[in-house]
Amino acid sequence: MTFISRGFRGRRQAEVPAGRLPPGQYATNDFPVLSAGPTPIVRPEDWRFELTGLLAEPRSWTWDEFRALPTEEITADIHCETKWSKIDTAWTGVSIDTLLGDVDSATRATCRSRT
């Protein structure tokens, strides 16, 4: 087994308008991620997302319940400490505002994903 994931292909240059990259960064079109081992496989039926802490009522969602929550789409630049940048990356996900919508604002919560 190799310690470098198949996704790493070296430094690929992408067309980026001047001023969009921080000094010392290079643009890429993919995610050149290095991995120190295999990615764990988590079965959806074993996955849970929980809000715990000083809550009157802790919250918990199964994979199907979480996927049924309203989602938002955002576009953002990603700048990695290994010097690559991915510009205008589109993401879809559940907003923290949705997750904390019914939580008392005076309450402190801890978010975690459990497998």
PDB file of N, CA and C in Angstrom:
ATOM      1  N   MET A   1       0.843  -1.185   0.000  1.00  0.00           N
ATOM      2  CA  MET A   1       0.000   0.000   0.000  1.00  0.00           C
ATOM      3  C   MET A   1       0.882   1.240   0.000  1.00  0.00           C
ATOM      4  N   THR A   2       0.516   2.210  -0.766  1.00  0.00           N
ATOM      5  CA  THR A   2       1.272   3.452  -0.844  1.00  0.00           C
ATOM      6  C   THR A   2       0.738   4.464   0.165  1.00  0.00           C
ATOM      7  N   PHE A   3       1.591   5.368   0.617  1.00  0.00           N
ATOM      8  CA  PHE A   3       1.180   6.389   1.560  1.00  0.00           C
ATOM      9  C   PHE A   3       0.747   7.662   0.859  1.00  0.00           C
ATOM     10  N   ILE A   4       0.845   7.711  -0.428  1.00  0.00           N
ATOM     11  CA  ILE A   4       0.380   8.869  -1.187  1.00  0.00           C
ATOM     12  C   ILE A   4      -0.869   8.453  -1.932  1.00  0.00           C
ATOM     13  N   SER A   5      -1.949   9.213  -1.716  1.00  0.00           N
ATOM     14  CA  SER A   5      -3.218   8.851  -2.343  1.00  0.00           C
ATOM     15  C   SER A   5      -3.138   9.025  -3.853  1.00  0.00           C
ATOM     16  N   ARG A   6      -4.009   8.305  -4.559  1.00  0.00           N
ATOM     17  CA  ARG A   6      -4.040   8.401  -6.025  1.00  0.00           C
ATOM     18  C   ARG A   6      -4.448   9.793  -6.481  1.00  0.00           C
ATOM     19  N   GLY A   7      -5.062  10.591  -5.597  1.00  0.00           N
ATOM     20  CA  GLY A   7      -5.510  11.927  -5.963  1.00  0.00           C
ATOM     21  C   GLY A   7      -4.390  12.938  -6.105  1.00  0.00           C
ATOM     22  N   PHE A   8      -3.185  12.612  -5.662  1.00  0.00           N
ATOM     23  CA  PHE A   8      -2.079  13.559  -5.741  1.00  0.00           C
ATOM     24  C   PHE A   8      -1.381  13.436  -7.083  1.00  0.00           C
ATOM     25  N   ARG A   9      -1.404  14.509  -7.835  1.00  0.00           N
ATOM     26  CA  ARG A   9      -0.815  14.489  -9.169  1.00  0.00           C
ATOM     27  C   ARG A   9       0.226  15.599  -9.348  1.00  0.00           C
ATOM     28  N   GLY A  10       0.695  16.170  -8.272  1.00  0.00           N
ATOM     29  CA  GLY A  10       1.669  17.247  -8.391  1.00  0.00           C
ATOM     30  C   GLY A  10       0.989  18.589  -8.541  1.00  0.00           C
ATOM     31  N   ARG A  11       1.771  19.566  -8.910  1.00  0.00           N
ATOM     32  CA  ARG A  11       1.265  20.936  -8.987  1.00  0.00           C
ATOM     33  C   ARG A  11       0.629  21.197 -10.341  1.00  0.00           C
ATOM     34  N   ARG A  12      -0.672  21.269 -10.357  1.00  0.00           N
ATOM     35  CA  ARG A  12      -1.386  21.626 -11.582  1.00  0.00           C
ATOM     36  C   ARG A  12      -1.725  23.107 -11.534  1.00  0.00           C
ATOM     37  N   GLN A  13      -1.486  23.751 -12.608  1.00  0.00           N
ATOM     38  CA  GLN A  13      -1.780  25.169 -12.675  1.00  0.00           C
ATOM     39  C   GLN A  13      -3.188  25.381 -13.228  1.00  0.00           C
ATOM     40  N   ALA A  14      -3.905  26.278 -12.625  1.00  0.00           N
ATOM     41  CA  ALA A  14      -5.237  26.659 -13.091  1.00  0.00           C
ATOM     42  C   ALA A  14      -5.188  28.145 -13.436  1.00  0.00           C
ATOM     43  N   GLU A  15      -6.071  28.554 -14.309  1.00  0.00           N
ATOM     44  CA  GLU A  15      -6.151  29.968 -14.673  1.00  0.00           C
ATOM     45  C   GLU A  15      -6.860  30.717 -13.552  1.00  0.00           C
ATOM     46  N   VAL A  16      -6.160  31.682 -12.951  1.00  0.00           N
ATOM     47  CA  VAL A  16      -6.709  32.447 -11.839  1.00  0.00           C
ATOM     48  C   VAL A  16      -6.424  33.920 -12.090  1.00  0.00           C
ATOM     49  N   PRO A  17      -7.453  34.771 -11.938  1.00  0.00           N
ATOM     50  CA  PRO A  17      -7.214  36.210 -12.104  1.00  0.00           C
ATOM     51  C   PRO A  17      -6.177  36.728 -11.105  1.00  0.00           C
ATOM     52  N   ALA A  18      -5.419  37.718 -11.518  1.00  0.00           N
ATOM     53  CA  ALA A  18      -4.391  38.311 -10.659  1.00  0.00           C
ATOM     54  C   ALA A  18      -5.015  38.772  -9.344  1.00  0.00           C
ATOM     55  N   GLY A  19      -4.297  38.547  -8.253  1.00  0.00           N
ATOM     56  CA  GLY A  19      -4.765  38.993  -6.951  1.00  0.00           C
ATOM     57  C   GLY A  19      -5.629  37.995  -6.200  1.00  0.00           C
ATOM     58  N   ARG A  20      -6.022  36.877  -6.831  1.00  0.00           N
ATOM     59  CA  ARG A  20      -6.864  35.881  -6.155  1.00  0.00           C
ATOM     60  C   ARG A  20      -6.052  34.893  -5.331  1.00  0.00           C
ATOM     61  N   LEU A  21      -4.762  34.767  -5.622  1.00  0.00           N
ATOM     62  CA  LEU A  21      -3.923  33.817  -4.886  1.00  0.00           C
ATOM     63  C   LEU A  21      -3.056  34.537  -3.862  1.00  0.00           C
ATOM     64  N   PRO A  22      -2.981  34.010  -2.634  1.00  0.00           N
ATOM     65  CA  PRO A  22      -2.041  34.572  -1.657  1.00  0.00           C
ATOM     66  C   PRO A  22      -0.609  34.320  -2.126  1.00  0.00           C
ATOM     67  N   PRO A  23       0.352  35.107  -1.644  1.00  0.00           N
ATOM     68  CA  PRO A  23       1.756  34.899  -2.020  1.00  0.00           C
ATOM     69  C   PRO A  23       2.211  33.478  -1.694  1.00  0.00           C
ATOM     70  N   GLY A  24       2.906  32.857  -2.639  1.00  0.00           N
ATOM     71  CA  GLY A  24       3.453  31.525  -2.439  1.00  0.00           C
ATOM     72  C   GLY A  24       2.495  30.381  -2.745  1.00  0.00           C
ATOM     73  N   GLN A  25       1.231  30.675  -3.074  1.00  0.00           N
ATOM     74  CA  GLN A  25       0.254  29.636  -3.378  1.00  0.00           C
ATOM     75  C   GLN A  25       0.231  29.369  -4.881  1.00  0.00           C
ATOM     76  N   TYR A  26      -0.123  28.128  -5.262  1.00  0.00           N
ATOM     77  CA  TYR A  26      -0.364  27.810  -6.662  1.00  0.00           C
ATOM     78  C   TYR A  26      -1.805  27.320  -6.792  1.00  0.00           C
ATOM     79  N   ALA A  27      -2.410  27.557  -7.941  1.00  0.00           N
ATOM     80  CA  ALA A  27      -3.810  27.188  -8.172  1.00  0.00           C
ATOM     81  C   ALA A  27      -3.896  25.768  -8.711  1.00  0.00           C
ATOM     82  N   THR A  28      -4.944  25.074  -8.313  1.00  0.00           N
ATOM     83  CA  THR A  28      -5.198  23.725  -8.790  1.00  0.00           C
ATOM     84  C   THR A  28      -6.675  23.579  -9.126  1.00  0.00           C
ATOM     85  N   ASN A  29      -6.989  22.607  -9.977  1.00  0.00           N
ATOM     86  CA  ASN A  29      -8.376  22.335 -10.329  1.00  0.00           C
ATOM     87  C   ASN A  29      -8.956  21.176  -9.525  1.00  0.00           C
ATOM     88  N   ASP A  30      -8.103  20.440  -8.807  1.00  0.00           N
ATOM     89  CA  ASP A  30      -8.581  19.286  -8.055  1.00  0.00           C
ATOM     90  C   ASP A  30      -8.184  19.449  -6.585  1.00  0.00           C
ATOM     91  N   PHE A  31      -8.268  18.395  -5.826  1.00  0.00           N
ATOM     92  CA  PHE A  31      -7.849  18.397  -4.434  1.00  0.00           C
ATOM     93  C   PHE A  31      -6.615  17.510  -4.302  1.00  0.00           C
ATOM     94  N   PRO A  32      -5.415  18.088  -4.361  1.00  0.00           N
ATOM     95  CA  PRO A  32      -4.191  17.286  -4.264  1.00  0.00           C
ATOM     96  C   PRO A  32      -3.903  16.900  -2.812  1.00  0.00           C
ATOM     97  N   VAL A  33      -4.656  15.962  -2.293  1.00  0.00           N
ATOM     98  CA  VAL A  33      -4.580  15.594  -0.884  1.00  0.00           C
ATOM     99  C   VAL A  33      -3.625  14.427  -0.680  1.00  0.00           C
ATOM    100  N   LEU A  34      -2.732  14.557   0.282  1.00  0.00           N
ATOM    101  CA  LEU A  34      -1.866  13.464   0.687  1.00  0.00           C
ATOM    102  C   LEU A  34      -2.557  12.712   1.815  1.00  0.00           C
ATOM    103  N   SER A  35      -2.406  11.420   1.834  1.00  0.00           N
ATOM    104  CA  SER A  35      -3.046  10.606   2.860  1.00  0.00           C
ATOM    105  C   SER A  35      -2.007   9.698   3.498  1.00  0.00           C
ATOM    106  N   ALA A  36      -2.083   9.570   4.828  1.00  0.00           N
ATOM    107  CA  ALA A  36      -1.153   8.702   5.539  1.00  0.00           C
ATOM    108  C   ALA A  36      -1.697   7.289   5.676  1.00  0.00           C
ATOM    109  N   GLY A  37      -2.812   7.023   5.086  1.00  0.00           N
ATOM    110  CA  GLY A  37      -3.403   5.694   5.186  1.00  0.00           C
ATOM    111  C   GLY A  37      -4.750   5.667   4.510  1.00  0.00           C
ATOM    112  N   PRO A  38      -5.420   4.536   4.582  1.00  0.00           N
ATOM    113  CA  PRO A  38      -6.715   4.419   3.911  1.00  0.00           C
ATOM    114  C   PRO A  38      -7.789   5.266   4.591  1.00  0.00           C
ATOM    115  N   THR A  39      -8.724   5.719   3.803  1.00  0.00           N
ATOM    116  CA  THR A  39      -9.863   6.464   4.335  1.00  0.00           C
ATOM    117  C   THR A  39     -10.845   5.474   4.946  1.00  0.00           C
ATOM    118  N   PRO A  40     -11.260   5.708   6.207  1.00  0.00           N
ATOM    119  CA  PRO A  40     -12.190   4.763   6.825  1.00  0.00           C
ATOM    120  C   PRO A  40     -13.538   4.761   6.099  1.00  0.00           C
ATOM    121  N   ILE A  41     -14.154   3.618   6.041  1.00  0.00           N
ATOM    122  CA  ILE A  41     -15.478   3.486   5.439  1.00  0.00           C
ATOM    123  C   ILE A  41     -16.497   3.500   6.570  1.00  0.00           C
ATOM    124  N   VAL A  42     -17.433   4.436   6.500  1.00  0.00           N
ATOM    125  CA  VAL A  42     -18.482   4.543   7.510  1.00  0.00           C
ATOM    126  C   VAL A  42     -19.812   4.251   6.830  1.00  0.00           C
ATOM    127  N   ARG A  43     -20.495   3.254   7.330  1.00  0.00           N
ATOM    128  CA  ARG A  43     -21.801   2.909   6.769  1.00  0.00           C
ATOM    129  C   ARG A  43     -22.816   3.960   7.203  1.00  0.00           C
ATOM    130  N   PRO A  44     -23.661   4.440   6.282  1.00  0.00           N
ATOM    131  CA  PRO A  44     -24.660   5.461   6.635  1.00  0.00           C
ATOM    132  C   PRO A  44     -25.543   5.055   7.817  1.00  0.00           C
ATOM    133  N   GLU A  45     -25.849   3.782   7.948  1.00  0.00           N
ATOM    134  CA  GLU A  45     -26.709   3.354   9.059  1.00  0.00           C
ATOM    135  C   GLU A  45     -26.005   3.450  10.420  1.00  0.00           C
ATOM    136  N   ASP A  46     -24.685   3.587  10.421  1.00  0.00           N
ATOM    137  CA  ASP A  46     -23.925   3.737  11.667  1.00  0.00           C
ATOM    138  C   ASP A  46     -23.595   5.195  11.988  1.00  0.00           C
ATOM    139  N   TRP A  47     -23.836   6.102  11.050  1.00  0.00           N
ATOM    140  CA  TRP A  47     -23.452   7.500  11.189  1.00  0.00           C
ATOM    141  C   TRP A  47     -24.493   8.274  11.986  1.00  0.00           C
ATOM    142  N   ARG A  48     -24.046   9.175  12.859  1.00  0.00           N
ATOM    143  CA  ARG A  48     -24.934  10.074  13.603  1.00  0.00           C
ATOM    144  C   ARG A  48     -24.237  11.422  13.742  1.00  0.00           C
ATOM    145  N   PHE A  49     -25.039  12.481  13.758  1.00  0.00           N
ATOM    146  CA  PHE A  49     -24.534  13.813  14.070  1.00  0.00           C
ATOM    147  C   PHE A  49     -25.239  14.262  15.337  1.00  0.00           C
ATOM    148  N   GLU A  50     -24.457  14.690  16.329  1.00  0.00           N
ATOM    149  CA  GLU A  50     -25.034  15.016  17.633  1.00  0.00           C
ATOM    150  C   GLU A  50     -24.647  16.419  18.077  1.00  0.00           C
ATOM    151  N   LEU A  51     -25.572  17.096  18.737  1.00  0.00           N
ATOM    152  CA  LEU A  51     -25.308  18.337  19.453  1.00  0.00           C
ATOM    153  C   LEU A  51     -25.450  17.996  20.926  1.00  0.00           C
ATOM    154  N   THR A  52     -24.364  18.141  21.662  1.00  0.00           N
ATOM    155  CA  THR A  52     -24.380  17.817  23.084  1.00  0.00           C
ATOM    156  C   THR A  52     -23.745  18.960  23.861  1.00  0.00           C
ATOM    157  N   GLY A  53     -23.744  18.866  25.133  1.00  0.00           N
ATOM    158  CA  GLY A  53     -23.151  19.900  25.975  1.00  0.00           C
ATOM    159  C   GLY A  53     -24.193  20.402  26.946  1.00  0.00           C
ATOM    160  N   LEU A  54     -24.155  21.686  27.222  1.00  0.00           N
ATOM    161  CA  LEU A  54     -25.090  22.268  28.179  1.00  0.00           C
ATOM    162  C   LEU A  54     -26.406  22.620  27.492  1.00  0.00           C
ATOM    163  N   LEU A  55     -27.053  21.613  26.955  1.00  0.00           N
ATOM    164  CA  LEU A  55     -28.335  21.785  26.270  1.00  0.00           C
ATOM    165  C   LEU A  55     -29.449  21.238  27.143  1.00  0.00           C
ATOM    166  N   ALA A  56     -30.598  21.907  27.133  1.00  0.00           N
ATOM    167  CA  ALA A  56     -31.761  21.357  27.826  1.00  0.00           C
ATOM    168  C   ALA A  56     -32.142  20.027  27.187  1.00  0.00           C
ATOM    169  N   GLU A  57     -32.070  19.964  25.856  1.00  0.00           N
ATOM    170  CA  GLU A  57     -32.375  18.740  25.121  1.00  0.00           C
ATOM    171  C   GLU A  57     -31.317  18.525  24.042  1.00  0.00           C
ATOM    172  N   PRO A  58     -30.403  17.562  24.222  1.00  0.00           N
ATOM    173  CA  PRO A  58     -29.433  17.275  23.160  1.00  0.00           C
ATOM    174  C   PRO A  58     -30.139  16.906  21.859  1.00  0.00           C
ATOM    175  N   ARG A  59     -29.500  17.211  20.750  1.00  0.00           N
ATOM    176  CA  ARG A  59     -30.063  16.912  19.431  1.00  0.00           C
ATOM    177  C   ARG A  59     -29.227  15.825  18.773  1.00  0.00           C
ATOM    178  N   SER A  60     -29.865  14.999  17.941  1.00  0.00           N
ATOM    179  CA  SER A  60     -29.170  13.935  17.237  1.00  0.00           C
ATOM    180  C   SER A  60     -29.905  13.639  15.945  1.00  0.00           C
ATOM    181  N   TRP A  61     -29.126  13.410  14.865  1.00  0.00           N
ATOM    182  CA  TRP A  61     -29.698  13.073  13.564  1.00  0.00           C
ATOM    183  C   TRP A  61     -29.017  11.828  13.015  1.00  0.00           C
ATOM    184  N   THR A  62     -29.789  10.952  12.406  1.00  0.00           N
ATOM    185  CA  THR A  62     -29.228   9.845  11.638  1.00  0.00           C
ATOM    186  C   THR A  62     -28.797  10.411  10.288  1.00  0.00           C
ATOM    187  N   TRP A  63     -28.153   9.592   9.470  1.00  0.00           N
ATOM    188  CA  TRP A  63     -27.743  10.027   8.139  1.00  0.00           C
ATOM    189  C   TRP A  63     -28.951  10.490   7.320  1.00  0.00           C
ATOM    190  N   ASP A  64     -30.009   9.693   7.308  1.00  0.00           N
ATOM    191  CA  ASP A  64     -31.201  10.046   6.519  1.00  0.00           C
ATOM    192  C   ASP A  64     -31.862  11.308   7.052  1.00  0.00           C
ATOM    193  N   GLU A  65     -31.942  11.464   8.362  1.00  0.00           N
ATOM    194  CA  GLU A  65     -32.539  12.674   8.946  1.00  0.00           C
ATOM    195  C   GLU A  65     -31.704  13.905   8.617  1.00  0.00           C
ATOM    196  N   PHE A  66     -30.379  13.761   8.703  1.00  0.00           N
ATOM    197  CA  PHE A  66     -29.492  14.886   8.403  1.00  0.00           C
ATOM    198  C   PHE A  66     -29.613  15.285   6.935  1.00  0.00           C
ATOM    199  N   ARG A  67     -29.646  14.293   6.056  1.00  0.00           N
ATOM    200  CA  ARG A  67     -29.760  14.565   4.613  1.00  0.00           C
ATOM    201  C   ARG A  67     -31.097  15.200   4.247  1.00  0.00           C
ATOM    202  N   ALA A  68     -32.116  15.042   5.093  1.00  0.00           N
ATOM    203  CA  ALA A  68     -33.430  15.620   4.834  1.00  0.00           C
ATOM    204  C   ALA A  68     -33.520  17.086   5.284  1.00  0.00           C
ATOM    205  N   LEU A  69     -32.528  17.565   6.022  1.00  0.00           N
ATOM    206  CA  LEU A  69     -32.542  18.962   6.471  1.00  0.00           C
ATOM    207  C   LEU A  69     -32.340  19.897   5.279  1.00  0.00           C
ATOM    208  N   PRO A  70     -32.838  21.137   5.395  1.00  0.00           N
ATOM    209  CA  PRO A  70     -32.615  22.098   4.304  1.00  0.00           C
ATOM    210  C   PRO A  70     -31.126  22.372   4.113  1.00  0.00           C
ATOM    211  N   THR A  71     -30.721  22.557   2.877  1.00  0.00           N
ATOM    212  CA  THR A  71     -29.313  22.824   2.575  1.00  0.00           C
ATOM    213  C   THR A  71     -29.153  24.201   1.947  1.00  0.00           C
ATOM    214  N   GLU A  72     -27.919  24.660   1.965  1.00  0.00           N
ATOM    215  CA  GLU A  72     -27.540  25.919   1.324  1.00  0.00           C
ATOM    216  C   GLU A  72     -26.357  25.656   0.413  1.00  0.00           C
ATOM    217  N   GLU A  73     -26.204  26.492  -0.594  1.00  0.00           N
ATOM    218  CA  GLU A  73     -25.061  26.395  -1.496  1.00  0.00           C
ATOM    219  C   GLU A  73     -24.207  27.636  -1.326  1.00  0.00           C
ATOM    220  N   ILE A  74     -22.895  27.422  -1.201  1.00  0.00           N
ATOM    221  CA  ILE A  74     -21.955  28.542  -1.125  1.00  0.00           C
ATOM    222  C   ILE A  74     -20.794  28.273  -2.078  1.00  0.00           C
ATOM    223  N   THR A  75     -20.101  29.328  -2.434  1.00  0.00           N
ATOM    224  CA  THR A  75     -18.884  29.230  -3.242  1.00  0.00           C
ATOM    225  C   THR A  75     -17.777  29.946  -2.480  1.00  0.00           C
ATOM    226  N   ALA A  76     -16.643  29.279  -2.330  1.00  0.00           N
ATOM    227  CA  ALA A  76     -15.540  29.856  -1.552  1.00  0.00           C
ATOM    228  C   ALA A  76     -14.206  29.401  -2.126  1.00  0.00           C
ATOM    229  N   ASP A  77     -13.167  30.174  -1.845  1.00  0.00           N
ATOM    230  CA  ASP A  77     -11.802  29.791  -2.191  1.00  0.00           C
ATOM    231  C   ASP A  77     -11.215  29.008  -1.026  1.00  0.00           C
ATOM    232  N   ILE A  78     -10.416  27.991  -1.337  1.00  0.00           N
ATOM    233  CA  ILE A  78      -9.739  27.196  -0.315  1.00  0.00           C
ATOM    234  C   ILE A  78      -8.246  27.404  -0.505  1.00  0.00           C
ATOM    235  N   HIS A  79      -7.561  27.765   0.574  1.00  0.00           N
ATOM    236  CA  HIS A  79      -6.114  27.960   0.542  1.00  0.00           C
ATOM    237  C   HIS A  79      -5.504  27.012   1.564  1.00  0.00           C
ATOM    238  N   CYS A  80      -4.780  26.012   1.101  1.00  0.00           N
ATOM    239  CA  CYS A  80      -4.209  24.980   1.970  1.00  0.00           C
ATOM    240  C   CYS A  80      -2.811  25.383   2.428  1.00  0.00           C
ATOM    241  N   GLU A  81      -2.457  24.947   3.639  1.00  0.00           N
ATOM    242  CA  GLU A  81      -1.123  25.263   4.159  1.00  0.00           C
ATOM    243  C   GLU A  81      -0.018  24.570   3.382  1.00  0.00           C
ATOM    244  N   THR A  82      -0.365  23.584   2.536  1.00  0.00           N
ATOM    245  CA  THR A  82       0.653  22.941   1.700  1.00  0.00           C
ATOM    246  C   THR A  82       0.845  23.692   0.381  1.00  0.00           C
ATOM    247  N   LYS A  83       0.312  24.900   0.319  1.00  0.00           N
ATOM    248  CA  LYS A  83       0.547  25.887  -0.738  1.00  0.00           C
ATOM    249  C   LYS A  83      -0.372  25.812  -1.940  1.00  0.00           C
ATOM    250  N   TRP A  84      -1.354  24.891  -1.978  1.00  0.00           N
ATOM    251  CA  TRP A  84      -2.273  24.900  -3.112  1.00  0.00           C
ATOM    252  C   TRP A  84      -3.526  25.690  -2.765  1.00  0.00           C
ATOM    253  N   SER A  85      -4.154  26.230  -3.795  1.00  0.00           N
ATOM    254  CA  SER A  85      -5.416  26.952  -3.658  1.00  0.00           C
ATOM    255  C   SER A  85      -6.397  26.433  -4.694  1.00  0.00           C
ATOM    256  N   LYS A  86      -7.626  26.296  -4.303  1.00  0.00           N
ATOM    257  CA  LYS A  86      -8.714  25.913  -5.219  1.00  0.00           C
ATOM    258  C   LYS A  86      -9.708  27.062  -5.191  1.00  0.00           C
ATOM    259  N   ILE A  87      -9.879  27.691  -6.330  1.00  0.00           N
ATOM    260  CA  ILE A  87     -10.679  28.909  -6.446  1.00  0.00           C
ATOM    261  C   ILE A  87     -12.122  28.566  -6.831  1.00  0.00           C
ATOM    262  N   ASP A  88     -13.071  29.329  -6.284  1.00  0.00           N
ATOM    263  CA  ASP A  88     -14.501  29.191  -6.617  1.00  0.00           C
ATOM    264  C   ASP A  88     -15.010  27.761  -6.427  1.00  0.00           C
ATOM    265  N   THR A  89     -14.740  27.190  -5.268  1.00  0.00           N
ATOM    266  CA  THR A  89     -15.177  25.829  -4.950  1.00  0.00           C
ATOM    267  C   THR A  89     -16.627  25.869  -4.481  1.00  0.00           C
ATOM    268  N   ALA A  90     -17.492  25.093  -5.130  1.00  0.00           N
ATOM    269  CA  ALA A  90     -18.916  25.053  -4.773  1.00  0.00           C
ATOM    270  C   ALA A  90     -19.157  23.999  -3.704  1.00  0.00           C
ATOM    271  N   TRP A  91     -19.908  24.364  -2.670  1.00  0.00           N
ATOM    272  CA  TRP A  91     -20.234  23.477  -1.561  1.00  0.00           C
ATOM    273  C   TRP A  91     -21.736  23.498  -1.313  1.00  0.00           C
ATOM    274  N   THR A  92     -22.286  22.377  -0.926  1.00  0.00           N
ATOM    275  CA  THR A  92     -23.674  22.281  -0.502  1.00  0.00           C
ATOM    276  C   THR A  92     -23.688  21.621   0.864  1.00  0.00           C
ATOM    277  N   GLY A  93     -24.416  22.203   1.817  1.00  0.00           N
ATOM    278  CA  GLY A  93     -24.448  21.616   3.149  1.00  0.00           C
ATOM    279  C   GLY A  93     -25.518  22.230   4.026  1.00  0.00           C
ATOM    280  N   VAL A  94     -25.620  21.691   5.215  1.00  0.00           N
ATOM    281  CA  VAL A  94     -26.582  22.164   6.205  1.00  0.00           C
ATOM    282  C   VAL A  94     -25.936  23.294   6.990  1.00  0.00           C
ATOM    283  N   SER A  95     -26.616  24.406   7.089  1.00  0.00           N
ATOM    284  CA  SER A  95     -26.107  25.569   7.800  1.00  0.00           C
ATOM    285  C   SER A  95     -26.112  25.319   9.306  1.00  0.00           C
ATOM    286  N   ILE A  96     -25.127  25.872   9.999  1.00  0.00           N
ATOM    287  CA  ILE A  96     -25.111  25.786  11.453  1.00  0.00           C
ATOM    288  C   ILE A  96     -26.331  26.491  12.034  1.00  0.00           C
ATOM    289  N   ASP A  97     -26.832  27.504  11.326  1.00  0.00           N
ATOM    290  CA  ASP A  97     -28.051  28.183  11.771  1.00  0.00           C
ATOM    291  C   ASP A  97     -29.239  27.223  11.780  1.00  0.00           C
ATOM    292  N   THR A  98     -29.291  26.314  10.817  1.00  0.00           N
ATOM    293  CA  THR A  98     -30.352  25.305  10.787  1.00  0.00           C
ATOM    294  C   THR A  98     -30.199  24.349  11.967  1.00  0.00           C
ATOM    295  N   LEU A  99     -28.979  23.908  12.222  1.00  0.00           N
ATOM    296  CA  LEU A  99     -28.747  22.961  13.310  1.00  0.00           C
ATOM    297  C   LEU A  99     -29.031  23.568  14.678  1.00  0.00           C
ATOM    298  N   LEU A 100     -28.731  24.848  14.833  1.00  0.00           N
ATOM    299  CA  LEU A 100     -28.914  25.501  16.130  1.00  0.00           C
ATOM    300  C   LEU A 100     -30.207  26.300  16.215  1.00  0.00           C
ATOM    301  N   GLY A 101     -31.086  26.153  15.235  1.00  0.00           N
ATOM    302  CA  GLY A 101     -32.299  26.956  15.159  1.00  0.00           C
ATOM    303  C   GLY A 101     -33.160  26.928  16.399  1.00  0.00           C
ATOM    304  N   ASP A 102     -33.295  25.800  17.064  1.00  0.00           N
ATOM    305  CA  ASP A 102     -34.145  25.676  18.253  1.00  0.00           C
ATOM    306  C   ASP A 102     -33.354  25.678  19.551  1.00  0.00           C
ATOM    307  N   VAL A 103     -32.058  25.907  19.484  1.00  0.00           N
ATOM    308  CA  VAL A 103     -31.221  25.885  20.684  1.00  0.00           C
ATOM    309  C   VAL A 103     -31.239  27.265  21.320  1.00  0.00           C
ATOM    310  N   ASP A 104     -31.440  27.329  22.625  1.00  0.00           N
ATOM    311  CA  ASP A 104     -31.423  28.577  23.373  1.00  0.00           C
ATOM    312  C   ASP A 104     -30.071  29.252  23.164  1.00  0.00           C
ATOM    313  N   SER A 105     -30.068  30.526  22.772  1.00  0.00           N
ATOM    314  CA  SER A 105     -28.818  31.215  22.451  1.00  0.00           C
ATOM    315  C   SER A 105     -27.922  31.400  23.669  1.00  0.00           C
ATOM    316  N   ALA A 106     -28.449  31.241  24.877  1.00  0.00           N
ATOM    317  CA  ALA A 106     -27.626  31.335  26.081  1.00  0.00           C
ATOM    318  C   ALA A 106     -26.948  30.007  26.403  1.00  0.00           C
ATOM    319  N   THR A 107     -27.268  28.990  25.639  1.00  0.00           N
ATOM    320  CA  THR A 107     -26.740  27.637  25.882  1.00  0.00           C
ATOM    321  C   THR A 107     -25.498  27.411  25.051  1.00  0.00           C
ATOM    322  N   ARG A 108     -24.530  26.684  25.594  1.00  0.00           N
ATOM    323  CA  ARG A 108     -23.334  26.323  24.856  1.00  0.00           C
ATOM    324  C   ARG A 108     -23.493  24.887  24.378  1.00  0.00           C
ATOM    325  N   ALA A 109     -23.209  24.640  23.114  1.00  0.00           N
ATOM    326  CA  ALA A 109     -23.342  23.309  22.539  1.00  0.00           C
ATOM    327  C   ALA A 109     -22.008  22.839  21.982  1.00  0.00           C
ATOM    328  N   THR A 110     -21.832  21.528  21.915  1.00  0.00           N
ATOM    329  CA  THR A 110     -20.678  20.913  21.290  1.00  0.00           C
ATOM    330  C   THR A 110     -21.181  20.068  20.134  1.00  0.00           C
ATOM    331  N   CYS A 111     -20.643  20.274  18.920  1.00  0.00           N
ATOM    332  CA  CYS A 111     -21.052  19.499  17.749  1.00  0.00           C
ATOM    333  C   CYS A 111     -20.025  18.422  17.493  1.00  0.00           C
ATOM    334  N   ARG A 112     -20.493  17.239  17.103  1.00  0.00           N
ATOM    335  CA  ARG A 112     -19.560  16.175  16.722  1.00  0.00           C
ATOM    336  C   ARG A 112     -20.279  15.183  15.834  1.00  0.00           C
ATOM    337  N   SER A 113     -19.509  14.542  15.004  1.00  0.00           N
ATOM    338  CA  SER A 113     -20.016  13.452  14.176  1.00  0.00           C
ATOM    339  C   SER A 113     -19.496  12.171  14.781  1.00  0.00           C
ATOM    340  N   ARG A 114     -20.365  11.191  14.939  1.00  0.00           N
ATOM    341  CA  ARG A 114     -19.970   9.941  15.578  1.00  0.00           C
ATOM    342  C   ARG A 114     -20.203   8.803  14.615  1.00  0.00           C
ATOM    343  N   THR A 115     -19.242   7.889  14.550  1.00  0.00           N
ATOM    344  CA  THR A 115     -19.393   6.711  13.706  1.00  0.00           C
ATOM    345  C   THR A 115     -19.380   5.472  14.556  1.00  0.00           C
TER     346      THR A 115
END
